[in-house]
């Protein structure tokens, strides 16, 4: 079979392959959640128990855990600070997704006050978020994309998050 001649306007176009774009750098800013993780006095520590183990009679491993939602990296809901305020399942997800600014308050310990952060507040124009127990030691000050989505825990005053920062494009 002979194909008809291809009109010149339909000639194939060959594009030069460009170099691959490197993926933006990610920082995992969540601490390990473990039985010895620091907790607020009176909070429930992290505990893991096995409810089923992989065996000829069981096709999967199953575990159960108990812990305060304030163990490890977590998002505080307005309910944590005020009665009758929204619980974590009522907080919009975009609160914990988007542009953020890392501000170092090194030397402000043991308690970081608003005064320690004022130098960056005016120029930031970013929504406030309450995320605690983040590991920012190796992250330079600057602007990043934050991804720290809380679980939809009905009625809870907080939720664990797996928090990461990503370089902005």
Protein backbone atom coordinates (compact mmCIF):
# COMPACT_ATOMS: atom_id res chain seq x y z
CA UNK A 1 0.00 0.00 0.00
CA UNK A 2 1.28 3.43 -0.86
CA UNK A 3 0.44 6.36 1.37
CA UNK A 4 -0.60 9.61 -0.19
CA UNK A 5 1.99 12.37 -0.16
CA UNK A 6 1.99 14.42 3.02
CA UNK A 7 1.22 18.09 2.41
CA UNK A 8 4.10 20.35 3.42
CA UNK A 9 1.92 22.07 6.04
CA UNK A 10 1.53 18.73 7.83
CA UNK A 11 5.23 17.94 7.93
CA UNK A 12 6.31 16.43 11.26
CA UNK A 13 7.93 18.80 13.74
CA UNK A 14 10.94 17.57 15.65
CA UNK A 15 11.56 19.34 18.94
CA UNK A 16 14.86 19.31 20.71
CA UNK A 17 14.60 17.59 24.07
CA UNK A 18 15.29 20.00 26.91
CA UNK A 19 17.24 19.12 29.99
CA UNK A 20 15.11 17.65 32.77
CA UNK A 21 14.00 20.20 35.35
CA UNK A 22 15.24 19.23 38.79
CA UNK A 23 12.52 18.55 41.34
CA UNK A 24 12.15 21.22 44.03
CA UNK A 25 13.96 20.41 47.26
CA UNK A 26 11.80 18.97 50.07
CA UNK A 27 12.41 19.34 53.79
CA UNK A 28 10.63 16.89 56.09
CA UNK A 29 10.05 19.09 59.14
CA UNK A 30 8.18 16.51 61.22
CA UNK A 31 9.82 14.88 64.22
CA UNK A 32 9.62 11.14 64.78
CA UNK A 33 6.51 10.16 66.74
CA UNK A 34 7.67 7.60 69.31
CA UNK A 35 6.85 6.58 72.89
CA UNK A 36 9.54 8.95 74.20
CA UNK A 37 8.37 11.99 72.17
CA UNK A 38 8.01 15.09 74.35
CA UNK A 39 4.47 15.80 75.54
CA UNK A 40 2.68 18.49 77.51
CA UNK A 41 2.18 17.45 81.15
CA UNK A 42 -0.96 15.35 81.36
CA UNK A 43 -1.11 14.59 77.61
CA UNK A 44 -1.47 11.01 76.38
CA UNK A 45 1.88 9.70 75.04
CA UNK A 46 2.19 7.73 71.79
CA UNK A 47 1.59 3.99 72.16
CA UNK A 48 1.39 1.36 69.42
CA UNK A 49 -0.02 -2.13 69.89
CA UNK A 50 -0.40 -4.94 67.38
CA UNK A 51 -3.97 -6.20 67.03
CA UNK A 52 -3.13 -8.79 64.34
CA UNK A 53 0.12 -10.12 62.87
CA UNK A 54 0.85 -11.55 59.47
CA UNK A 55 0.58 -15.33 59.69
CA UNK A 56 -0.90 -18.25 57.75
CA UNK A 57 -4.24 -17.48 59.40
CA UNK A 58 -4.01 -13.68 58.89
CA UNK A 59 -3.20 -11.95 55.57
CA UNK A 60 -2.11 -8.59 57.07
CA UNK A 61 -0.47 -6.80 60.00
CA UNK A 62 -2.83 -4.50 61.91
CA UNK A 63 -1.93 -2.02 64.62
CA UNK A 64 -3.75 0.37 66.91
CA UNK A 65 -2.39 3.54 68.46
CA UNK A 66 -3.30 5.92 71.22
CA UNK A 67 -1.90 9.41 71.67
CA UNK A 68 -2.77 13.02 72.20
CA UNK A 69 -3.25 14.92 68.93
CA UNK A 70 -0.52 17.25 70.22
CA UNK A 71 2.27 14.64 70.01
CA UNK A 72 4.82 15.38 67.29
CA UNK A 73 4.17 17.88 64.51
CA UNK A 74 0.58 19.00 64.77
CA UNK A 75 -1.91 21.68 63.80
CA UNK A 76 -3.84 23.37 66.58
CA UNK A 77 -7.48 24.18 65.88
CA UNK A 78 -9.06 27.39 67.19
CA UNK A 79 -10.86 25.10 69.68
CA UNK A 80 -7.51 24.55 71.42
CA UNK A 81 -7.52 28.20 72.52
CA UNK A 82 -11.22 29.04 72.87
CA UNK A 83 -14.36 27.17 73.87
CA UNK A 84 -17.03 27.06 71.15
CA UNK A 85 -14.38 27.74 68.47
CA UNK A 86 -14.00 25.51 65.37
CA UNK A 87 -12.53 22.04 65.83
CA UNK A 88 -9.80 20.76 63.48
CA UNK A 89 -12.33 19.04 61.18
CA UNK A 90 -13.91 22.46 60.54
CA UNK A 91 -10.68 24.28 59.61
CA UNK A 92 -10.20 24.74 55.83
CA UNK A 93 -7.34 22.65 54.43
CA UNK A 94 -5.88 25.58 52.51
CA UNK A 95 -4.90 27.01 55.91
CA UNK A 96 -2.09 24.43 55.98
CA UNK A 97 -1.21 24.40 52.30
CA UNK A 98 0.55 27.21 50.51
CA UNK A 99 3.22 29.82 50.83
CA UNK A 100 4.86 30.28 54.21
CA UNK A 101 7.87 32.01 55.73
CA UNK A 102 10.44 30.35 57.97
CA UNK A 103 11.60 32.78 60.65
CA UNK A 104 14.34 31.79 63.04
CA UNK A 105 13.81 32.76 66.66
CA UNK A 106 16.98 31.08 67.87
CA UNK A 107 17.98 32.33 71.31
CA UNK A 108 14.38 33.18 72.25
CA UNK A 109 13.97 29.96 74.25
CA UNK A 110 12.39 28.79 76.45
CA UNK A 111 9.34 30.76 75.26
CA UNK A 112 8.96 32.39 71.85
CA UNK A 113 6.90 35.56 71.98
CA UNK A 114 5.24 37.56 69.20
CA UNK A 115 7.96 40.22 69.63
CA UNK A 116 10.53 37.68 68.39
CA UNK A 117 8.67 37.40 65.07
CA UNK A 118 7.61 41.02 64.42
CA UNK A 119 10.63 41.70 62.19
CA UNK A 120 9.13 39.50 59.47
CA UNK A 121 5.42 40.01 60.10
CA UNK A 122 4.84 43.21 58.12
CA UNK A 123 6.46 42.00 54.92
CA UNK A 124 5.10 38.46 55.02
CA UNK A 125 1.40 39.07 54.21
CA UNK A 126 0.75 35.39 54.89
CA UNK A 127 -2.15 33.82 56.80
CA UNK A 128 -1.39 32.83 60.40
CA UNK A 129 -1.13 29.10 61.10
CA UNK A 130 -0.53 27.34 64.38
CA UNK A 131 1.79 24.41 63.75
CA UNK A 132 3.86 23.10 66.61
CA UNK A 133 6.85 20.81 67.16
CA UNK A 134 8.34 21.38 63.72
CA UNK A 135 12.00 20.54 63.06
CA UNK A 136 13.44 23.58 61.27
CA UNK A 137 17.10 23.27 62.31
CA UNK A 138 18.42 22.67 58.77
CA UNK A 139 15.97 24.94 56.94
CA UNK A 140 17.28 28.41 56.02
CA UNK A 141 15.07 31.42 56.71
CA UNK A 142 12.96 32.30 53.71
CA UNK A 143 9.77 31.61 51.80
CA UNK A 144 8.60 28.08 50.96
CA UNK A 145 5.54 26.08 50.06
CA UNK A 146 4.10 24.45 53.17
CA UNK A 147 2.22 21.15 53.04
CA UNK A 148 1.00 20.10 56.51
CA UNK A 149 -2.50 18.70 56.19
CA UNK A 150 -4.30 17.74 59.40
CA UNK A 151 -6.48 14.66 59.67
CA UNK A 152 -10.23 15.26 59.73
CA UNK A 153 -10.67 14.31 63.39
CA UNK A 154 -14.22 15.11 64.44
CA UNK A 155 -14.39 17.53 67.36
CA UNK A 156 -10.63 17.46 68.08
CA UNK A 157 -8.64 20.47 69.29
CA UNK A 158 -5.64 19.46 67.14
CA UNK A 159 -4.38 16.91 64.63
CA UNK A 160 -1.06 15.29 63.81
CA UNK A 161 0.43 16.39 60.47
CA UNK A 162 3.29 15.21 58.27
CA UNK A 163 4.77 18.61 57.57
CA UNK A 164 7.04 19.34 54.65
CA UNK A 165 8.46 22.44 53.04
CA UNK A 166 9.17 22.67 49.33
CA UNK A 167 11.28 25.24 47.51
CA UNK A 168 9.16 27.73 45.62
CA UNK A 169 9.58 27.68 41.84
